[in-house]
Amino acid sequence: SRYAMGWFRQAPGKEREFVGAITRGDDTVYADSVKGRFTI
């Protein structure tokens, strides 16, 4: 739990973008584009 774990994605022709993360305290945060659909 020392580390926050993030998920990123990179589509062809686009920069890598933040998807979501689970914090060192095990809370989760999501990008608006995936909120409600993805779970970490």
PDB file of all heavy atoms in Angstrom:
ATOM      1  N   SER A   1       0.801  -1.217   0.000  1.00  0.00           N
ATOM      2  CA  SER A   1       0.000   0.000   0.000  1.00  0.00           C
ATOM      3  C   SER A   1       0.839   1.276   0.000  1.00  0.00           C
ATOM      4  O   SER A   1       0.289   2.375  -0.042  1.00  0.00           O
ATOM      5  CB  SER A   1      -0.957  -0.001   1.198  1.00  0.00           C
ATOM      6  OG  SER A   1      -0.237  -0.061   2.420  1.00  0.00           O
ATOM      7  N   ARG A   2       2.132   1.132   0.037  1.00  0.00           N
ATOM      8  CA  ARG A   2       3.035   2.266  -0.068  1.00  0.00           C
ATOM      9  C   ARG A   2       2.849   3.007  -1.400  1.00  0.00           C
ATOM     10  O   ARG A   2       3.108   4.206  -1.492  1.00  0.00           O
ATOM     11  CB  ARG A   2       4.472   1.780   0.061  1.00  0.00           C
ATOM     12  CG  ARG A   2       5.538   2.837  -0.046  1.00  0.00           C
ATOM     13  CD  ARG A   2       6.915   2.204   0.020  1.00  0.00           C
ATOM     14  NE  ARG A   2       7.099   1.429   1.240  1.00  0.00           N
ATOM     15  CZ  ARG A   2       7.526   1.921   2.391  1.00  0.00           C
ATOM     16  NH1 ARG A   2       7.814   3.218   2.484  1.00  0.00           N
ATOM     17  NH2 ARG A   2       7.658   1.144   3.450  1.00  0.00           N
ATOM     18  N   TYR A   3       2.378   2.294  -2.430  1.00  0.00           N
ATOM     19  CA  TYR A   3       2.254   2.852  -3.768  1.00  0.00           C
ATOM     20  C   TYR A   3       0.807   3.105  -4.158  1.00  0.00           C
ATOM     21  O   TYR A   3      -0.066   2.282  -3.890  1.00  0.00           O
ATOM     22  CB  TYR A   3       2.870   1.908  -4.801  1.00  0.00           C
ATOM     23  CG  TYR A   3       4.331   1.644  -4.582  1.00  0.00           C
ATOM     24  CD1 TYR A   3       4.770   0.479  -3.962  1.00  0.00           C
ATOM     25  CD2 TYR A   3       5.285   2.575  -4.995  1.00  0.00           C
ATOM     26  CE1 TYR A   3       6.110   0.252  -3.756  1.00  0.00           C
ATOM     27  CE2 TYR A   3       6.633   2.346  -4.787  1.00  0.00           C
ATOM     28  CZ  TYR A   3       7.042   1.186  -4.171  1.00  0.00           C
ATOM     29  OH  TYR A   3       8.383   0.960  -3.967  1.00  0.00           O
ATOM     30  N   ALA A   4       0.580   4.244  -4.791  1.00  0.00           N
ATOM     31  CA  ALA A   4      -0.628   4.422  -5.570  1.00  0.00           C
ATOM     32  C   ALA A   4      -0.441   3.692  -6.895  1.00  0.00           C
ATOM     33  O   ALA A   4       0.650   3.685  -7.454  1.00  0.00           O
ATOM     34  CB  ALA A   4      -0.901   5.899  -5.820  1.00  0.00           C
ATOM     35  N   MET A   5      -1.497   3.065  -7.374  1.00  0.00           N
ATOM     36  CA  MET A   5      -1.442   2.351  -8.643  1.00  0.00           C
ATOM     37  C   MET A   5      -2.381   3.007  -9.630  1.00  0.00           C
ATOM     38  O   MET A   5      -3.573   3.136  -9.361  1.00  0.00           O
ATOM     39  CB  MET A   5      -1.813   0.884  -8.453  1.00  0.00           C
ATOM     40  CG  MET A   5      -0.857   0.102  -7.554  1.00  0.00           C
ATOM     41  SD  MET A   5       0.817  -0.023  -8.259  1.00  0.00           S
ATOM     42  CE  MET A   5       0.475  -0.906  -9.775  1.00  0.00           C
ATOM     43  N   GLY A   6      -1.833   3.414 -10.756  1.00  0.00           N
ATOM     44  CA  GLY A   6      -2.613   4.083 -11.774  1.00  0.00           C
ATOM     45  C   GLY A   6      -2.775   3.241 -13.020  1.00  0.00           C
ATOM     46  O   GLY A   6      -1.963   2.357 -13.304  1.00  0.00           O
ATOM     47  N   TRP A   7      -3.843   3.518 -13.742  1.00  0.00           N
ATOM     48  CA  TRP A   7      -4.062   2.944 -15.063  1.00  0.00           C
ATOM     49  C   TRP A   7      -4.088   4.073 -16.076  1.00  0.00           C
ATOM     50  O   TRP A   7      -4.763   5.087 -15.875  1.00  0.00           O
ATOM     51  CB  TRP A   7      -5.369   2.159 -15.132  1.00  0.00           C
ATOM     52  CG  TRP A   7      -5.323   0.837 -14.422  1.00  0.00           C
ATOM     53  CD1 TRP A   7      -5.715   0.569 -13.156  1.00  0.00           C
ATOM     54  CD2 TRP A   7      -4.862  -0.395 -14.981  1.00  0.00           C
ATOM     55  NE1 TRP A   7      -5.529  -0.760 -12.876  1.00  0.00           N
ATOM     56  CE2 TRP A   7      -5.007  -1.374 -13.974  1.00  0.00           C
ATOM     57  CE3 TRP A   7      -4.347  -0.774 -16.219  1.00  0.00           C
ATOM     58  CZ2 TRP A   7      -4.651  -2.716 -14.172  1.00  0.00           C
ATOM     59  CZ3 TRP A   7      -3.984  -2.098 -16.417  1.00  0.00           C
ATOM     60  CH2 TRP A   7      -4.143  -3.049 -15.400  1.00  0.00           C
ATOM     61  N   PHE A   8      -3.351   3.891 -17.154  1.00  0.00           N
ATOM     62  CA  PHE A   8      -3.297   4.835 -18.258  1.00  0.00           C
ATOM     63  C   PHE A   8      -3.579   4.087 -19.546  1.00  0.00           C
ATOM     64  O   PHE A   8      -3.469   2.859 -19.602  1.00  0.00           O
ATOM     65  CB  PHE A   8      -1.922   5.508 -18.342  1.00  0.00           C
ATOM     66  CG  PHE A   8      -1.600   6.403 -17.179  1.00  0.00           C
ATOM     67  CD1 PHE A   8      -1.175   5.877 -15.967  1.00  0.00           C
ATOM     68  CD2 PHE A   8      -1.717   7.780 -17.299  1.00  0.00           C
ATOM     69  CE1 PHE A   8      -0.879   6.701 -14.898  1.00  0.00           C
ATOM     70  CE2 PHE A   8      -1.419   8.615 -16.239  1.00  0.00           C
ATOM     71  CZ  PHE A   8      -0.998   8.072 -15.033  1.00  0.00           C
ATOM     72  N   ARG A   9      -3.924   4.826 -20.572  1.00  0.00           N
ATOM     73  CA  ARG A   9      -4.120   4.198 -21.874  1.00  0.00           C
ATOM     74  C   ARG A   9      -3.632   5.128 -22.973  1.00  0.00           C
ATOM     75  O   ARG A   9      -3.609   6.345 -22.816  1.00  0.00           O
ATOM     76  CB  ARG A   9      -5.586   3.822 -22.105  1.00  0.00           C
ATOM     77  CG  ARG A   9      -6.535   5.004 -22.210  1.00  0.00           C
ATOM     78  CD  ARG A   9      -7.975   4.523 -22.288  1.00  0.00           C
ATOM     79  NE  ARG A   9      -8.912   5.615 -22.445  1.00  0.00           N
ATOM     80  CZ  ARG A   9     -10.233   5.472 -22.435  1.00  0.00           C
ATOM     81  NH1 ARG A   9     -10.767   4.264 -22.276  1.00  0.00           N
ATOM     82  NH2 ARG A   9     -11.017   6.536 -22.588  1.00  0.00           N
ATOM     83  N   GLN A  10      -3.244   4.523 -24.086  1.00  0.00           N
ATOM     84  CA  GLN A  10      -2.778   5.286 -25.230  1.00  0.00           C
ATOM     85  C   GLN A  10      -3.382   4.702 -26.495  1.00  0.00           C
ATOM     86  O   GLN A  10      -3.111   3.554 -26.856  1.00  0.00           O
ATOM     87  CB  GLN A  10      -1.254   5.285 -25.322  1.00  0.00           C
ATOM     88  CG  GLN A  10      -0.717   6.207 -26.395  1.00  0.00           C
ATOM     89  CD  GLN A  10       0.770   6.434 -26.263  1.00  0.00           C
ATOM     90  OE1 GLN A  10       1.489   5.619 -25.690  1.00  0.00           O
ATOM     91  NE2 GLN A  10       1.238   7.552 -26.778  1.00  0.00           N
ATOM     92  N   ALA A  11      -4.206   5.494 -27.152  1.00  0.00           N
ATOM     93  CA  ALA A  11      -4.812   5.109 -28.411  1.00  0.00           C
ATOM     94  C   ALA A  11      -3.916   5.542 -29.560  1.00  0.00           C
ATOM     95  O   ALA A  11      -3.110   6.468 -29.418  1.00  0.00           O
ATOM     96  CB  ALA A  11      -6.191   5.740 -28.547  1.00  0.00           C
ATOM     97  N   PRO A  12      -4.043   4.902 -30.720  1.00  0.00           N
ATOM     98  CA  PRO A  12      -3.226   5.294 -31.871  1.00  0.00           C
ATOM     99  C   PRO A  12      -3.388   6.775 -32.200  1.00  0.00           C
ATOM    100  O   PRO A  12      -4.508   7.282 -32.296  1.00  0.00           O
ATOM    101  CB  PRO A  12      -3.759   4.413 -32.997  1.00  0.00           C
ATOM    102  CG  PRO A  12      -4.316   3.214 -32.305  1.00  0.00           C
ATOM    103  CD  PRO A  12      -4.903   3.742 -31.032  1.00  0.00           C
ATOM    104  N   GLY A  13      -2.278   7.463 -32.349  1.00  0.00           N
ATOM    105  CA  GLY A  13      -2.301   8.862 -32.706  1.00  0.00           C
ATOM    106  C   GLY A  13      -2.621   9.811 -31.570  1.00  0.00           C
ATOM    107  O   GLY A  13      -2.737  11.014 -31.801  1.00  0.00           O
ATOM    108  N   LYS A  14      -2.766   9.296 -30.362  1.00  0.00           N
ATOM    109  CA  LYS A  14      -3.088  10.127 -29.215  1.00  0.00           C
ATOM    110  C   LYS A  14      -2.033   9.985 -28.127  1.00  0.00           C
ATOM    111  O   LYS A  14      -1.295   9.009 -28.084  1.00  0.00           O
ATOM    112  CB  LYS A  14      -4.460   9.768 -28.649  1.00  0.00           C
ATOM    113  CG  LYS A  14      -5.627  10.083 -29.563  1.00  0.00           C
ATOM    114  CD  LYS A  14      -6.944   9.858 -28.849  1.00  0.00           C
ATOM    115  CE  LYS A  14      -8.117  10.273 -29.702  1.00  0.00           C
ATOM    116  NZ  LYS A  14      -9.403  10.093 -28.977  1.00  0.00           N
ATOM    117  N   GLU A  15      -1.986  10.980 -27.254  1.00  0.00           N
ATOM    118  CA  GLU A  15      -1.105  10.915 -26.103  1.00  0.00           C
ATOM    119  C   GLU A  15      -1.676   9.970 -25.054  1.00  0.00           C
ATOM    120  O   GLU A  15      -2.874   9.705 -25.016  1.00  0.00           O
ATOM    121  CB  GLU A  15      -0.912  12.307 -25.498  1.00  0.00           C
ATOM    122  CG  GLU A  15      -0.179  13.287 -26.395  1.00  0.00           C
ATOM    123  CD  GLU A  15       0.086  14.607 -25.711  1.00  0.00           C
ATOM    124  OE1 GLU A  15      -0.487  14.851 -24.626  1.00  0.00           O
ATOM    125  OE2 GLU A  15       0.875  15.401 -26.252  1.00  0.00           O
ATOM    126  N   ARG A  16      -0.795   9.477 -24.215  1.00  0.00           N
ATOM    127  CA  ARG A  16      -1.237   8.627 -23.130  1.00  0.00           C
ATOM    128  C   ARG A  16      -2.085   9.436 -22.155  1.00  0.00           C
ATOM    129  O   ARG A  16      -1.740  10.572 -21.806  1.00  0.00           O
ATOM    130  CB  ARG A  16      -0.028   8.012 -22.425  1.00  0.00           C
ATOM    131  CG  ARG A  16      -0.385   6.960 -21.394  1.00  0.00           C
ATOM    132  CD  ARG A  16       0.718   5.932 -21.258  1.00  0.00           C
ATOM    133  NE  ARG A  16       2.013   6.525 -20.987  1.00  0.00           N
ATOM    134  CZ  ARG A  16       3.153   5.850 -21.003  1.00  0.00           C
ATOM    135  NH1 ARG A  16       3.160   4.547 -21.287  1.00  0.00           N
ATOM    136  NH2 ARG A  16       4.296   6.458 -20.744  1.00  0.00           N
ATOM    137  N   GLU A  17      -3.199   8.872 -21.722  1.00  0.00           N
ATOM    138  CA  GLU A  17      -4.106   9.577 -20.841  1.00  0.00           C
ATOM    139  C   GLU A  17      -4.390   8.779 -19.577  1.00  0.00           C
ATOM    140  O   GLU A  17      -4.335   7.546 -19.563  1.00  0.00           O
ATOM    141  CB  GLU A  17      -5.428   9.899 -21.556  1.00  0.00           C
ATOM    142  CG  GLU A  17      -6.250   8.680 -21.933  1.00  0.00           C
ATOM    143  CD  GLU A  17      -7.613   9.029 -22.502  1.00  0.00           C
ATOM    144  OE1 GLU A  17      -8.114  10.145 -22.225  1.00  0.00           O
ATOM    145  OE2 GLU A  17      -8.183   8.187 -23.227  1.00  0.00           O
ATOM    146  N   PHE A  18      -4.727   9.509 -18.541  1.00  0.00           N
ATOM    147  CA  PHE A  18      -5.061   8.924 -17.260  1.00  0.00           C
ATOM    148  C   PHE A  18      -6.435   8.274 -17.329  1.00  0.00           C
ATOM    149  O   PHE A  18      -7.391   8.868 -17.824  1.00  0.00           O
ATOM    150  CB  PHE A  18      -5.040  10.016 -16.192  1.00  0.00           C
ATOM    151  CG  PHE A  18      -5.505   9.588 -14.835  1.00  0.00           C
ATOM    152  CD1 PHE A  18      -4.700   8.814 -14.021  1.00  0.00           C
ATOM    153  CD2 PHE A  18      -6.744   9.980 -14.366  1.00  0.00           C
ATOM    154  CE1 PHE A  18      -5.117   8.435 -12.762  1.00  0.00           C
ATOM    155  CE2 PHE A  18      -7.172   9.611 -13.106  1.00  0.00           C
ATOM    156  CZ  PHE A  18      -6.359   8.835 -12.303  1.00  0.00           C
ATOM    157  N   VAL A  19      -6.529   7.060 -16.825  1.00  0.00           N
ATOM    158  CA  VAL A  19      -7.797   6.338 -16.762  1.00  0.00           C
ATOM    159  C   VAL A  19      -8.360   6.361 -15.345  1.00  0.00           C
ATOM    160  O   VAL A  19      -9.524   6.687 -15.123  1.00  0.00           O
ATOM    161  CB  VAL A  19      -7.635   4.885 -17.241  1.00  0.00           C
ATOM    162  CG1 VAL A  19      -8.919   4.085 -17.035  1.00  0.00           C
ATOM    163  CG2 VAL A  19      -7.220   4.848 -18.708  1.00  0.00           C
ATOM    164  N   GLY A  20      -7.539   6.010 -14.388  1.00  0.00           N
ATOM    165  CA  GLY A  20      -7.951   5.989 -12.999  1.00  0.00           C
ATOM    166  C   GLY A  20      -6.820   5.510 -12.129  1.00  0.00           C
ATOM    167  O   GLY A  20      -5.753   5.131 -12.613  1.00  0.00           O
ATOM    168  N   ALA A  21      -7.055   5.518 -10.825  1.00  0.00           N
ATOM    169  CA  ALA A  21      -6.025   5.109  -9.885  1.00  0.00           C
ATOM    170  C   ALA A  21      -6.655   4.633  -8.597  1.00  0.00           C
ATOM    171  O   ALA A  21      -7.786   4.999  -8.264  1.00  0.00           O
ATOM    172  CB  ALA A  21      -5.053   6.254  -9.600  1.00  0.00           C
ATOM    173  N   ILE A  22      -5.911   3.824  -7.893  1.00  0.00           N
ATOM    174  CA  ILE A  22      -6.238   3.462  -6.524  1.00  0.00           C
ATOM    175  C   ILE A  22      -5.143   4.039  -5.651  1.00  0.00           C
ATOM    176  O   ILE A  22      -3.956   3.832  -5.906  1.00  0.00           O
ATOM    177  CB  ILE A  22      -6.417   1.937  -6.361  1.00  0.00           C
ATOM    178  CG1 ILE A  22      -6.898   1.604  -4.944  1.00  0.00           C
ATOM    179  CG2 ILE A  22      -5.162   1.174  -6.738  1.00  0.00           C
ATOM    180  CD1 ILE A  22      -7.492   0.204  -4.843  1.00  0.00           C
ATOM    181  N   THR A  23      -5.531   4.809  -4.651  1.00  0.00           N
ATOM    182  CA  THR A  23      -4.573   5.532  -3.834  1.00  0.00           C
ATOM    183  C   THR A  23      -3.880   4.604  -2.853  1.00  0.00           C
ATOM    184  O   THR A  23      -4.247   3.436  -2.694  1.00  0.00           O
ATOM    185  CB  THR A  23      -5.260   6.661  -3.050  1.00  0.00           C
ATOM    186  OG1 THR A  23      -6.055   6.093  -1.994  1.00  0.00           O
ATOM    187  CG2 THR A  23      -6.156   7.497  -3.953  1.00  0.00           C
ATOM    188  N   ARG A  24      -2.864   5.144  -2.186  1.00  0.00           N
ATOM    189  CA  ARG A  24      -2.187   4.376  -1.145  1.00  0.00           C
ATOM    190  C   ARG A  24      -3.130   3.996  -0.019  1.00  0.00           C
ATOM    191  O   ARG A  24      -2.883   3.018   0.686  1.00  0.00           O
ATOM    192  CB  ARG A  24      -1.005   5.176  -0.594  1.00  0.00           C
ATOM    193  CG  ARG A  24       0.167   5.270  -1.561  1.00  0.00           C
ATOM    194  CD  ARG A  24       1.188   6.294  -1.123  1.00  0.00           C
ATOM    195  NE  ARG A  24       1.691   6.025   0.223  1.00  0.00           N
ATOM    196  CZ  ARG A  24       2.535   6.816   0.873  1.00  0.00           C
ATOM    197  NH1 ARG A  24       2.975   7.926   0.301  1.00  0.00           N
ATOM    198  NH2 ARG A  24       2.940   6.488   2.096  1.00  0.00           N
ATOM    199  N   GLY A  25      -4.209   4.746   0.142  1.00  0.00           N
ATOM    200  CA  GLY A  25      -5.241   4.427   1.116  1.00  0.00           C
ATOM    201  C   GLY A  25      -6.385   3.606   0.558  1.00  0.00           C
ATOM    202  O   GLY A  25      -7.391   3.424   1.234  1.00  0.00           O
ATOM    203  N   ASP A  26      -6.259   3.144  -0.680  1.00  0.00           N
ATOM    204  CA  ASP A  26      -7.216   2.259  -1.357  1.00  0.00           C
ATOM    205  C   ASP A  26      -8.520   2.948  -1.736  1.00  0.00           C
ATOM    206  O   ASP A  26      -9.534   2.279  -1.967  1.00  0.00           O
ATOM    207  CB  ASP A  26      -7.500   1.003  -0.526  1.00  0.00           C
ATOM    208  CG  ASP A  26      -6.334   0.038  -0.503  1.00  0.00           C
ATOM    209  OD1 ASP A  26      -5.468   0.129  -1.399  1.00  0.00           O
ATOM    210  OD2 ASP A  26      -6.277  -0.809   0.405  1.00  0.00           O
ATOM    211  N   ASP A  27      -8.527   4.264  -1.819  1.00  0.00           N
ATOM    212  CA  ASP A  27      -9.615   4.968  -2.470  1.00  0.00           C
ATOM    213  C   ASP A  27      -9.376   4.951  -3.979  1.00  0.00           C
ATOM    214  O   ASP A  27      -8.251   4.793  -4.434  1.00  0.00           O
ATOM    215  CB  ASP A  27      -9.715   6.410  -1.976  1.00  0.00           C
ATOM    216  CG  ASP A  27     -10.066   6.491  -0.512  1.00  0.00           C
ATOM    217  OD1 ASP A  27     -10.966   5.757  -0.070  1.00  0.00           O
ATOM    218  OD2 ASP A  27      -9.438   7.301   0.194  1.00  0.00           O
ATOM    219  N   THR A  28     -10.425   5.133  -4.755  1.00  0.00           N
ATOM    220  CA  THR A  28     -10.297   5.105  -6.210  1.00  0.00           C
ATOM    221  C   THR A  28     -10.739   6.414  -6.822  1.00  0.00           C
ATOM    222  O   THR A  28     -11.641   7.083  -6.323  1.00  0.00           O
ATOM    223  CB  THR A  28     -11.104   3.950  -6.824  1.00  0.00           C
ATOM    224  OG1 THR A  28     -12.458   3.996  -6.359  1.00  0.00           O
ATOM    225  CG2 THR A  28     -10.492   2.612  -6.451  1.00  0.00           C
ATOM    226  N   VAL A  29     -10.094   6.776  -7.918  1.00  0.00           N
ATOM    227  CA  VAL A  29     -10.383   7.984  -8.669  1.00  0.00           C
ATOM    228  C   VAL A  29     -10.393   7.624 -10.153  1.00  0.00           C
ATOM    229  O   VAL A  29      -9.560   6.840 -10.599  1.00  0.00           O
ATOM    230  CB  VAL A  29      -9.335   9.085  -8.406  1.00  0.00           C
ATOM    231  CG1 VAL A  29      -9.706  10.373  -9.122  1.00  0.00           C
ATOM    232  CG2 VAL A  29      -9.184   9.336  -6.915  1.00  0.00           C
ATOM    233  N   TYR A  30     -11.319   8.219 -10.913  1.00  0.00           N
ATOM    234  CA  TYR A  30     -11.468   7.878 -12.320  1.00  0.00           C
ATOM    235  C   TYR A  30     -11.561   9.116 -13.192  1.00  0.00           C
ATOM    236  O   TYR A  30     -12.080  10.154 -12.769  1.00  0.00           O
ATOM    237  CB  TYR A  30     -12.730   7.033 -12.544  1.00  0.00           C
ATOM    238  CG  TYR A  30     -12.769   5.781 -11.725  1.00  0.00           C
ATOM    239  CD1 TYR A  30     -13.425   5.755 -10.500  1.00  0.00           C
ATOM    240  CD2 TYR A  30     -12.145   4.624 -12.167  1.00  0.00           C
ATOM    241  CE1 TYR A  30     -13.454   4.604  -9.732  1.00  0.00           C
ATOM    242  CE2 TYR A  30     -12.171   3.466 -11.406  1.00  0.00           C
ATOM    243  CZ  TYR A  30     -12.823   3.460 -10.191  1.00  0.00           C
ATOM    244  OH  TYR A  30     -12.853   2.315  -9.434  1.00  0.00           O
ATOM    245  N   ALA A  31     -11.072   8.981 -14.408  1.00  0.00           N
ATOM    246  CA  ALA A  31     -11.295  10.008 -15.402  1.00  0.00           C
ATOM    247  C   ALA A  31     -12.774  10.056 -15.765  1.00  0.00           C
ATOM    248  O   ALA A  31     -13.476   9.046 -15.709  1.00  0.00           O
ATOM    249  CB  ALA A  31     -10.457   9.734 -16.649  1.00  0.00           C
ATOM    250  N   ASP A  32     -13.245  11.238 -16.145  1.00  0.00           N
ATOM    251  CA  ASP A  32     -14.657  11.391 -16.483  1.00  0.00           C
ATOM    252  C   ASP A  32     -15.083  10.467 -17.620  1.00  0.00           C
ATOM    253  O   ASP A  32     -16.228  10.006 -17.658  1.00  0.00           O
ATOM    254  CB  ASP A  32     -14.955  12.840 -16.866  1.00  0.00           C
ATOM    255  CG  ASP A  32     -14.933  13.778 -15.675  1.00  0.00           C
ATOM    256  OD1 ASP A  32     -15.021  13.301 -14.523  1.00  0.00           O
ATOM    257  OD2 ASP A  32     -14.832  14.998 -15.894  1.00  0.00           O
ATOM    258  N   SER A  33     -14.170  10.176 -18.531  1.00  0.00           N
ATOM    259  CA  SER A  33     -14.492   9.370 -19.696  1.00  0.00           C
ATOM    260  C   SER A  33     -14.839   7.923 -19.359  1.00  0.00           C
ATOM    261  O   SER A  33     -15.488   7.243 -20.155  1.00  0.00           O
ATOM    262  CB  SER A  33     -13.335   9.397 -20.701  1.00  0.00           C
ATOM    263  OG  SER A  33     -12.147   8.893 -20.121  1.00  0.00           O
ATOM    264  N   VAL A  34     -14.404   7.445 -18.193  1.00  0.00           N
ATOM    265  CA  VAL A  34     -14.642   6.054 -17.818  1.00  0.00           C
ATOM    266  C   VAL A  34     -15.458   5.916 -16.545  1.00  0.00           C
ATOM    267  O   VAL A  34     -15.828   4.789 -16.176  1.00  0.00           O
ATOM    268  CB  VAL A  34     -13.318   5.276 -17.668  1.00  0.00           C
ATOM    269  CG1 VAL A  34     -12.474   5.400 -18.925  1.00  0.00           C
ATOM    270  CG2 VAL A  34     -12.539   5.757 -16.455  1.00  0.00           C
ATOM    271  N   LYS A  35     -15.754   7.014 -15.897  1.00  0.00           N
ATOM    272  CA  LYS A  35     -16.479   6.983 -14.634  1.00  0.00           C
ATOM    273  C   LYS A  35     -17.833   6.303 -14.804  1.00  0.00           C
ATOM    274  O   LYS A  35     -18.575   6.600 -15.738  1.00  0.00           O
ATOM    275  CB  LYS A  35     -16.643   8.401 -14.097  1.00  0.00           C
ATOM    276  CG  LYS A  35     -17.030   8.494 -12.637  1.00  0.00           C
ATOM    277  CD  LYS A  35     -16.977   9.945 -12.158  1.00  0.00           C
ATOM    278  CE  LYS A  35     -15.575  10.511 -12.247  1.00  0.00           C
ATOM    279  NZ  LYS A  35     -15.500  11.921 -11.773  1.00  0.00           N
ATOM    280  N   GLY A  36     -18.131   5.383 -13.911  1.00  0.00           N
ATOM    281  CA  GLY A  36     -19.365   4.634 -13.986  1.00  0.00           C
ATOM    282  C   GLY A  36     -19.273   3.367 -14.799  1.00  0.00           C
ATOM    283  O   GLY A  36     -20.180   2.529 -14.735  1.00  0.00           O
ATOM    284  N   ARG A  37     -18.205   3.210 -15.570  1.00  0.00           N
ATOM    285  CA  ARG A  37     -18.018   2.022 -16.401  1.00  0.00           C
ATOM    286  C   ARG A  37     -16.841   1.170 -15.962  1.00  0.00           C
ATOM    287  O   ARG A  37     -16.877  -0.052 -16.072  1.00  0.00           O
ATOM    288  CB  ARG A  37     -17.829   2.419 -17.866  1.00  0.00           C
ATOM    289  CG  ARG A  37     -19.010   3.168 -18.464  1.00  0.00           C
ATOM    290  CD  ARG A  37     -18.837   3.355 -19.969  1.00  0.00           C
ATOM    291  NE  ARG A  37     -17.672   4.173 -20.294  1.00  0.00           N
ATOM    292  CZ  ARG A  37     -16.645   3.752 -21.040  1.00  0.00           C
ATOM    293  NH1 ARG A  37     -16.643   2.524 -21.548  1.00  0.00           N
ATOM    294  NH2 ARG A  37     -15.633   4.569 -21.301  1.00  0.00           N
ATOM    295  N   PHE A  38     -15.784   1.822 -15.467  1.00  0.00           N
ATOM    296  CA  PHE A  38     -14.565   1.124 -15.061  1.00  0.00           C
ATOM    297  C   PHE A  38     -14.443   1.123 -13.547  1.00  0.00           C
ATOM    298  O   PHE A  38     -14.831   2.092 -12.883  1.00  0.00           O
ATOM    299  CB  PHE A  38     -13.326   1.799 -15.642  1.00  0.00           C
ATOM    300  CG  PHE A  38     -13.164   1.685 -17.134  1.00  0.00           C
ATOM    301  CD1 PHE A  38     -14.173   1.189 -17.946  1.00  0.00           C
ATOM    302  CD2 PHE A  38     -11.973   2.076 -17.725  1.00  0.00           C
ATOM    303  CE1 PHE A  38     -14.017   1.092 -19.315  1.00  0.00           C
ATOM    304  CE2 PHE A  38     -11.802   1.986 -19.096  1.00  0.00           C
ATOM    305  CZ  PHE A  38     -12.818   1.497 -19.891  1.00  0.00           C
ATOM    306  N   THR A  39     -13.863   0.056 -13.006  1.00  0.00           N
ATOM    307  CA  THR A  39     -13.653  -0.064 -11.577  1.00  0.00           C
ATOM    308  C   THR A  39     -12.255  -0.599 -11.307  1.00  0.00           C
ATOM    309  O   THR A  39     -11.838  -1.588 -11.905  1.00  0.00           O
ATOM    310  CB  THR A  39     -14.685  -1.000 -10.927  1.00  0.00           C
ATOM    311  OG1 THR A  39     -16.009  -0.533 -11.206  1.00  0.00           O
ATOM    312  CG2 THR A  39     -14.492  -1.033  -9.414  1.00  0.00           C
ATOM    313  N   ILE A  40     -11.542   0.052 -10.411  1.00  0.00           N
ATOM    314  CA  ILE A  40     -10.200  -0.369 -10.018  1.00  0.00           C
ATOM    315  C   ILE A  40     -10.268  -0.984  -8.627  1.00  0.00           C
ATOM    316  O   ILE A  40     -10.936  -0.455  -7.735  1.00  0.00           O
ATOM    317  CB  ILE A  40      -9.219   0.809 -10.037  1.00  0.00           C
ATOM    318  CG1 ILE A  40      -9.092   1.365 -11.458  1.00  0.00           C
ATOM    319  CG2 ILE A  40      -7.851   0.400  -9.500  1.00  0.00           C
ATOM    320  CD1 ILE A  40      -8.360   2.687 -11.538  1.00  0.00           C
TER     321      ILE A  40
END
